[in-house]
């Protein structure tokens, strides 16, 4: 799990709840701090887990090589842990961290990115979205959103905050919380793409005018041509990947009984076949993009061009 969120949102509090949660998982913890002297390690509860601190840099840039080396070091010790928790600095853009699991062949083969969980301060997120682009990107990249400190805002304000989060990320479930107290079963074990969230997502397109980040959701009920889909997605990411923060999708391909699951982060994409379609479930394709200056008509036309003729 990659744990992110702006400064003061409650990341370390959530991390401590996970480590003290009482399950049988053994964790290795990687904490990144943005100064020469770290303090977060001293704030983490005393556990038997191993702690790796990376200081004097942001995990998304200057110490990314250290992250890769640390992960490789952990993989050299099979059986020592079950899960790895990575807590980024509060000013980090999590995109490059996620990309690490796409581009490093060893990590890609031996690890599964369970989720990107973003903690949001309900009382101050409005200010952060107005003055800090990283706050919006942390939300846009999330698979799960913990809306923390809900006791500090009223009911109407809380609904407004949730609506604003939805404009930035329509598919990540939002878990309201006080002191990061959430049901950990809702956070752990999702293994990347939350299929149920994508399958239940309806047409959605909205924009946050002060962040320029928008989302587009597309659905097709016609089986797709796998070769055309691959060519379109690869061309799309190559041409516009700098503006596409994240992409996720589940596809129904003609002549294939398995669901194709797709993910992209900026210029990188991956897709693999997962379980078979169940006889009782409707078969369709659903695709979500989150990014800047997304051209909904062009994206819709691109997906339609991949549909098989009747």
Foldseek 3Di string as FASTA:
>chain_A
DEEAEAPPLQRLLLVQCVQPVPDPFAEAEEEEEQAPDDDSVVVHDDDPHHYHYHYNDWCLPDCVVVVVVVVVVVVVDPPPGDYYYYYTYNQDQCLSVVCVCQPDPVNVVPHFDFWYEYGYALVCLVVCLQPHLSNLNSLLRGQAYEHEPPVVDDPVSSVVSVVVSCFSHVQRYYHYYYSNDDDCVVPGDCRPDNVVSQVPDDFDWHHDVSNQKGKGKDKFLFAFAPVLVVVLVLVCLVVFLQFWQKKWKWHHHPPDQFIKIKMDGRNGIDIDTDDGDDPPDRHMMMMMTIGHPDDRVVVRVSRVVRGDDD
